[in-house]
């Protein structure tokens, strides 16, 4: 009986975690803080997928036109740190960011010798990872399940 109970609890926890993860991806604009991203930046750890909200555009960088085109900008986190945001502009409409804009993201966070960056801010056509996105002014960019719907 104890073994069956532990198995049932394990399955319930896995299902609940998966459900919570799916729900957050279904409502990109609902992420209101950047605590998970701040923690990754402070600990210098790469995160396969993280969602963060209330980021502030602090600098617009030139597009990367080598290989696949990428739109780039810098964002200030709530703790004052700055990260680079890299968005594959082949995977969705260009994000109309301006300095001072508040926005949210879902994607992969990595540390580089030049500082932290977040990328994979779009659908994964091979479905190997959660779909990323940029959320700005009520519009979701990069996630074709939400793009052009506003939420």
C-alpha atoms as a PDB file:
ATOM      1  CA  UNK A   1       0.000   0.000   0.000  1.00  0.00           C
ATOM      2  CA  UNK A   2       2.790   2.467   0.823  1.00  0.00           C
ATOM      3  CA  UNK A   3       4.513   1.771  -2.504  1.00  0.00           C
ATOM      4  CA  UNK A   4       1.272   2.417  -4.434  1.00  0.00           C
ATOM      5  CA  UNK A   5       0.699   5.597  -2.449  1.00  0.00           C
ATOM      6  CA  UNK A   6       4.203   6.878  -3.273  1.00  0.00           C
ATOM      7  CA  UNK A   7       3.703   6.068  -6.953  1.00  0.00           C
ATOM      8  CA  UNK A   8       0.361   7.904  -6.954  1.00  0.00           C
ATOM      9  CA  UNK A   9       1.919  10.947  -5.249  1.00  0.00           C
ATOM     10  CA  UNK A  10       4.822  10.950  -7.718  1.00  0.00           C
ATOM     11  CA  UNK A  11       2.458  10.829 -10.692  1.00  0.00           C
ATOM     12  CA  UNK A  12       0.323  13.595  -9.204  1.00  0.00           C
ATOM     13  CA  UNK A  13       3.386  15.806  -8.659  1.00  0.00           C
ATOM     14  CA  UNK A  14       4.643  15.220 -12.189  1.00  0.00           C
ATOM     15  CA  UNK A  15       1.208  15.994 -13.641  1.00  0.00           C
ATOM     16  CA  UNK A  16       0.813  19.106 -11.489  1.00  0.00           C
ATOM     17  CA  UNK A  17       4.278  20.406 -12.432  1.00  0.00           C
ATOM     18  CA  UNK A  18       3.613  19.789 -16.126  1.00  0.00           C
ATOM     19  CA  UNK A  19       0.246  21.477 -15.886  1.00  0.00           C
ATOM     20  CA  UNK A  20       1.686  24.536 -14.155  1.00  0.00           C
ATOM     21  CA  UNK A  21       4.421  24.773 -16.760  1.00  0.00           C
ATOM     22  CA  UNK A  22       1.923  24.534 -19.615  1.00  0.00           C
ATOM     23  CA  UNK A  23      -0.374  27.085 -18.023  1.00  0.00           C
ATOM     24  CA  UNK A  24       2.362  29.683 -17.676  1.00  0.00           C
ATOM     25  CA  UNK A  25       3.213  29.258 -21.367  1.00  0.00           C
ATOM     26  CA  UNK A  26      -0.453  29.667 -22.275  1.00  0.00           C
ATOM     27  CA  UNK A  27      -0.596  33.117 -20.675  1.00  0.00           C
ATOM     28  CA  UNK A  28       2.678  34.933 -21.424  1.00  0.00           C
ATOM     29  CA  UNK A  29       1.451  38.296 -20.157  1.00  0.00           C
ATOM     30  CA  UNK A  30       0.680  36.900 -16.714  1.00  0.00           C
ATOM     31  CA  UNK A  31       4.350  36.684 -15.623  1.00  0.00           C
ATOM     32  CA  UNK A  32       4.749  39.830 -13.534  1.00  0.00           C
ATOM     33  CA  UNK A  33       8.301  39.649 -12.206  1.00  0.00           C
ATOM     34  CA  UNK A  34      11.819  38.695 -13.146  1.00  0.00           C
ATOM     35  CA  UNK A  35      12.845  36.809  -9.987  1.00  0.00           C
ATOM     36  CA  UNK A  36      13.754  33.575 -11.805  1.00  0.00           C
ATOM     37  CA  UNK A  37      15.887  35.470 -14.308  1.00  0.00           C
ATOM     38  CA  UNK A  38      17.546  37.556 -11.565  1.00  0.00           C
ATOM     39  CA  UNK A  39      18.394  34.348  -9.675  1.00  0.00           C
ATOM     40  CA  UNK A  40      19.961  32.828 -12.811  1.00  0.00           C
ATOM     41  CA  UNK A  41      21.979  35.996 -13.458  1.00  0.00           C
ATOM     42  CA  UNK A  42      23.189  36.245  -9.850  1.00  0.00           C
ATOM     43  CA  UNK A  43      24.226  32.580  -9.718  1.00  0.00           C
ATOM     44  CA  UNK A  44      25.756  32.668 -13.236  1.00  0.00           C
ATOM     45  CA  UNK A  45      23.742  29.594 -14.195  1.00  0.00           C
ATOM     46  CA  UNK A  46      22.319  28.670 -17.569  1.00  0.00           C
ATOM     47  CA  UNK A  47      18.578  27.962 -17.555  1.00  0.00           C
ATOM     48  CA  UNK A  48      17.034  25.816 -20.285  1.00  0.00           C
ATOM     49  CA  UNK A  49      13.744  27.754 -20.119  1.00  0.00           C
ATOM     50  CA  UNK A  50      12.791  30.716 -17.961  1.00  0.00           C
ATOM     51  CA  UNK A  51       9.968  33.240 -18.028  1.00  0.00           C
ATOM     52  CA  UNK A  52      10.304  36.796 -16.763  1.00  0.00           C
ATOM     53  CA  UNK A  53       8.187  39.915 -16.792  1.00  0.00           C
ATOM     54  CA  UNK A  54       8.606  43.582 -15.990  1.00  0.00           C
ATOM     55  CA  UNK A  55      11.941  43.885 -17.818  1.00  0.00           C
ATOM     56  CA  UNK A  56      12.912  47.331 -19.122  1.00  0.00           C
ATOM     57  CA  UNK A  57      14.460  47.990 -22.535  1.00  0.00           C
ATOM     58  CA  UNK A  58      17.678  49.886 -21.776  1.00  0.00           C
ATOM     59  CA  UNK A  59      19.477  49.911 -25.143  1.00  0.00           C
ATOM     60  CA  UNK A  60      18.688  48.988 -28.743  1.00  0.00           C
ATOM     61  CA  UNK A  61      21.562  47.114 -30.402  1.00  0.00           C
ATOM     62  CA  UNK A  62      22.204  46.737 -34.139  1.00  0.00           C
ATOM     63  CA  UNK A  63      20.577  43.698 -35.717  1.00  0.00           C
ATOM     64  CA  UNK A  64      22.788  40.669 -36.275  1.00  0.00           C
ATOM     65  CA  UNK A  65      22.557  39.986 -40.008  1.00  0.00           C
ATOM     66  CA  UNK A  66      25.220  37.263 -40.153  1.00  0.00           C
ATOM     67  CA  UNK A  67      23.480  33.948 -40.813  1.00  0.00           C
ATOM     68  CA  UNK A  68      19.916  34.036 -39.530  1.00  0.00           C
ATOM     69  CA  UNK A  69      18.742  37.599 -38.795  1.00  0.00           C
ATOM     70  CA  UNK A  70      18.387  38.467 -35.122  1.00  0.00           C
ATOM     71  CA  UNK A  71      16.988  41.567 -33.483  1.00  0.00           C
ATOM     72  CA  UNK A  72      18.956  42.522 -30.350  1.00  0.00           C
ATOM     73  CA  UNK A  73      18.460  44.822 -27.405  1.00  0.00           C
ATOM     74  CA  UNK A  74      19.512  45.091 -23.775  1.00  0.00           C
ATOM     75  CA  UNK A  75      17.195  44.832 -20.818  1.00  0.00           C
ATOM     76  CA  UNK A  76      17.566  46.008 -17.258  1.00  0.00           C
ATOM     77  CA  UNK A  77      16.480  43.573 -14.546  1.00  0.00           C
ATOM     78  CA  UNK A  78      14.895  44.626 -11.258  1.00  0.00           C
ATOM     79  CA  UNK A  79      18.245  44.231  -9.455  1.00  0.00           C
ATOM     80  CA  UNK A  80      19.948  46.656 -11.860  1.00  0.00           C
ATOM     81  CA  UNK A  81      21.784  44.009 -13.894  1.00  0.00           C
ATOM     82  CA  UNK A  82      21.619  44.197 -17.689  1.00  0.00           C
ATOM     83  CA  UNK A  83      21.182  41.249 -20.053  1.00  0.00           C
ATOM     84  CA  UNK A  84      21.099  40.976 -23.827  1.00  0.00           C
ATOM     85  CA  UNK A  85      17.883  39.883 -25.531  1.00  0.00           C
ATOM     86  CA  UNK A  86      18.264  38.087 -28.877  1.00  0.00           C
ATOM     87  CA  UNK A  87      15.170  37.492 -31.009  1.00  0.00           C
ATOM     88  CA  UNK A  88      15.230  35.508 -34.279  1.00  0.00           C
ATOM     89  CA  UNK A  89      13.327  37.831 -36.606  1.00  0.00           C
ATOM     90  CA  UNK A  90      12.779  35.013 -39.113  1.00  0.00           C
ATOM     91  CA  UNK A  91      10.493  33.327 -36.565  1.00  0.00           C
ATOM     92  CA  UNK A  92       7.883  36.052 -36.198  1.00  0.00           C
ATOM     93  CA  UNK A  93       7.052  39.715 -36.583  1.00  0.00           C
ATOM     94  CA  UNK A  94       9.713  42.202 -35.562  1.00  0.00           C
ATOM     95  CA  UNK A  95       9.310  43.354 -31.945  1.00  0.00           C
ATOM     96  CA  UNK A  96       8.766  47.153 -31.901  1.00  0.00           C
ATOM     97  CA  UNK A  97      10.775  47.807 -28.723  1.00  0.00           C
ATOM     98  CA  UNK A  98      11.755  51.300 -27.617  1.00  0.00           C
ATOM     99  CA  UNK A  99      14.034  52.360 -24.768  1.00  0.00           C
ATOM    100  CA  UNK A 100      12.015  52.405 -21.557  1.00  0.00           C
ATOM    101  CA  UNK A 101       9.443  49.816 -22.697  1.00  0.00           C
ATOM    102  CA  UNK A 102       8.392  47.176 -20.176  1.00  0.00           C
ATOM    103  CA  UNK A 103       8.167  43.658 -21.593  1.00  0.00           C
ATOM    104  CA  UNK A 104       8.199  39.962 -20.741  1.00  0.00           C
ATOM    105  CA  UNK A 105      10.026  36.971 -22.209  1.00  0.00           C
ATOM    106  CA  UNK A 106      10.138  33.209 -22.184  1.00  0.00           C
ATOM    107  CA  UNK A 107      13.283  31.536 -23.482  1.00  0.00           C
ATOM    108  CA  UNK A 108      16.697  30.064 -22.757  1.00  0.00           C
ATOM    109  CA  UNK A 109      19.050  32.031 -20.510  1.00  0.00           C
ATOM    110  CA  UNK A 110      22.794  31.539 -20.882  1.00  0.00           C
ATOM    111  CA  UNK A 111      25.921  33.127 -19.456  1.00  0.00           C
ATOM    112  CA  UNK A 112      28.598  34.235 -21.906  1.00  0.00           C
ATOM    113  CA  UNK A 113      31.978  35.915 -21.367  1.00  0.00           C
ATOM    114  CA  UNK A 114      30.178  39.181 -22.248  1.00  0.00           C
ATOM    115  CA  UNK A 115      27.346  38.673 -19.736  1.00  0.00           C
ATOM    116  CA  UNK A 116      23.945  37.031 -19.668  1.00  0.00           C
ATOM    117  CA  UNK A 117      21.639  36.692 -22.625  1.00  0.00           C
ATOM    118  CA  UNK A 118      18.223  35.273 -23.304  1.00  0.00           C
ATOM    119  CA  UNK A 119      17.333  33.742 -26.656  1.00  0.00           C
ATOM    120  CA  UNK A 120      15.060  31.079 -28.232  1.00  0.00           C
ATOM    121  CA  UNK A 121      12.275  33.653 -27.899  1.00  0.00           C
ATOM    122  CA  UNK A 122      10.134  31.922 -30.512  1.00  0.00           C
ATOM    123  CA  UNK A 123       8.413  28.654 -31.380  1.00  0.00           C
ATOM    124  CA  UNK A 124      10.666  25.627 -31.625  1.00  0.00           C
ATOM    125  CA  UNK A 125       9.781  24.074 -34.989  1.00  0.00           C
ATOM    126  CA  UNK A 126      11.289  20.734 -33.901  1.00  0.00           C
ATOM    127  CA  UNK A 127       9.399  20.749 -30.565  1.00  0.00           C
ATOM    128  CA  UNK A 128      12.558  19.950 -28.577  1.00  0.00           C
ATOM    129  CA  UNK A 129      12.002  22.751 -26.066  1.00  0.00           C
ATOM    130  CA  UNK A 130       9.202  24.957 -24.767  1.00  0.00           C
ATOM    131  CA  UNK A 131       8.143  27.672 -27.193  1.00  0.00           C
ATOM    132  CA  UNK A 132       9.611  31.042 -26.325  1.00  0.00           C
ATOM    133  CA  UNK A 133       8.113  34.493 -26.780  1.00  0.00           C
ATOM    134  CA  UNK A 134       8.416  38.225 -26.220  1.00  0.00           C
ATOM    135  CA  UNK A 135       5.388  39.944 -24.655  1.00  0.00           C
ATOM    136  CA  UNK A 136       5.135  43.684 -25.328  1.00  0.00           C
ATOM    137  CA  UNK A 137       2.148  46.018 -24.979  1.00  0.00           C
ATOM    138  CA  UNK A 138      -0.380  43.178 -24.922  1.00  0.00           C
ATOM    139  CA  UNK A 139       1.047  41.419 -27.999  1.00  0.00           C
ATOM    140  CA  UNK A 140       2.973  38.135 -28.047  1.00  0.00           C
ATOM    141  CA  UNK A 141       5.820  37.887 -30.566  1.00  0.00           C
ATOM    142  CA  UNK A 142       7.579  34.706 -31.656  1.00  0.00           C
ATOM    143  CA  UNK A 143       4.960  32.275 -30.339  1.00  0.00           C
ATOM    144  CA  UNK A 144       2.698  31.516 -33.287  1.00  0.00           C
ATOM    145  CA  UNK A 145       0.069  30.040 -30.946  1.00  0.00           C
ATOM    146  CA  UNK A 146      -0.416  33.538 -29.492  1.00  0.00           C
ATOM    147  CA  UNK A 147       1.033  35.939 -32.062  1.00  0.00           C
ATOM    148  CA  UNK A 148      -1.348  38.601 -33.320  1.00  0.00           C
ATOM    149  CA  UNK A 149      -3.967  37.639 -30.711  1.00  0.00           C
ATOM    150  CA  UNK A 150      -2.792  40.096 -28.080  1.00  0.00           C
ATOM    151  CA  UNK A 151      -2.833  37.454 -25.311  1.00  0.00           C
END
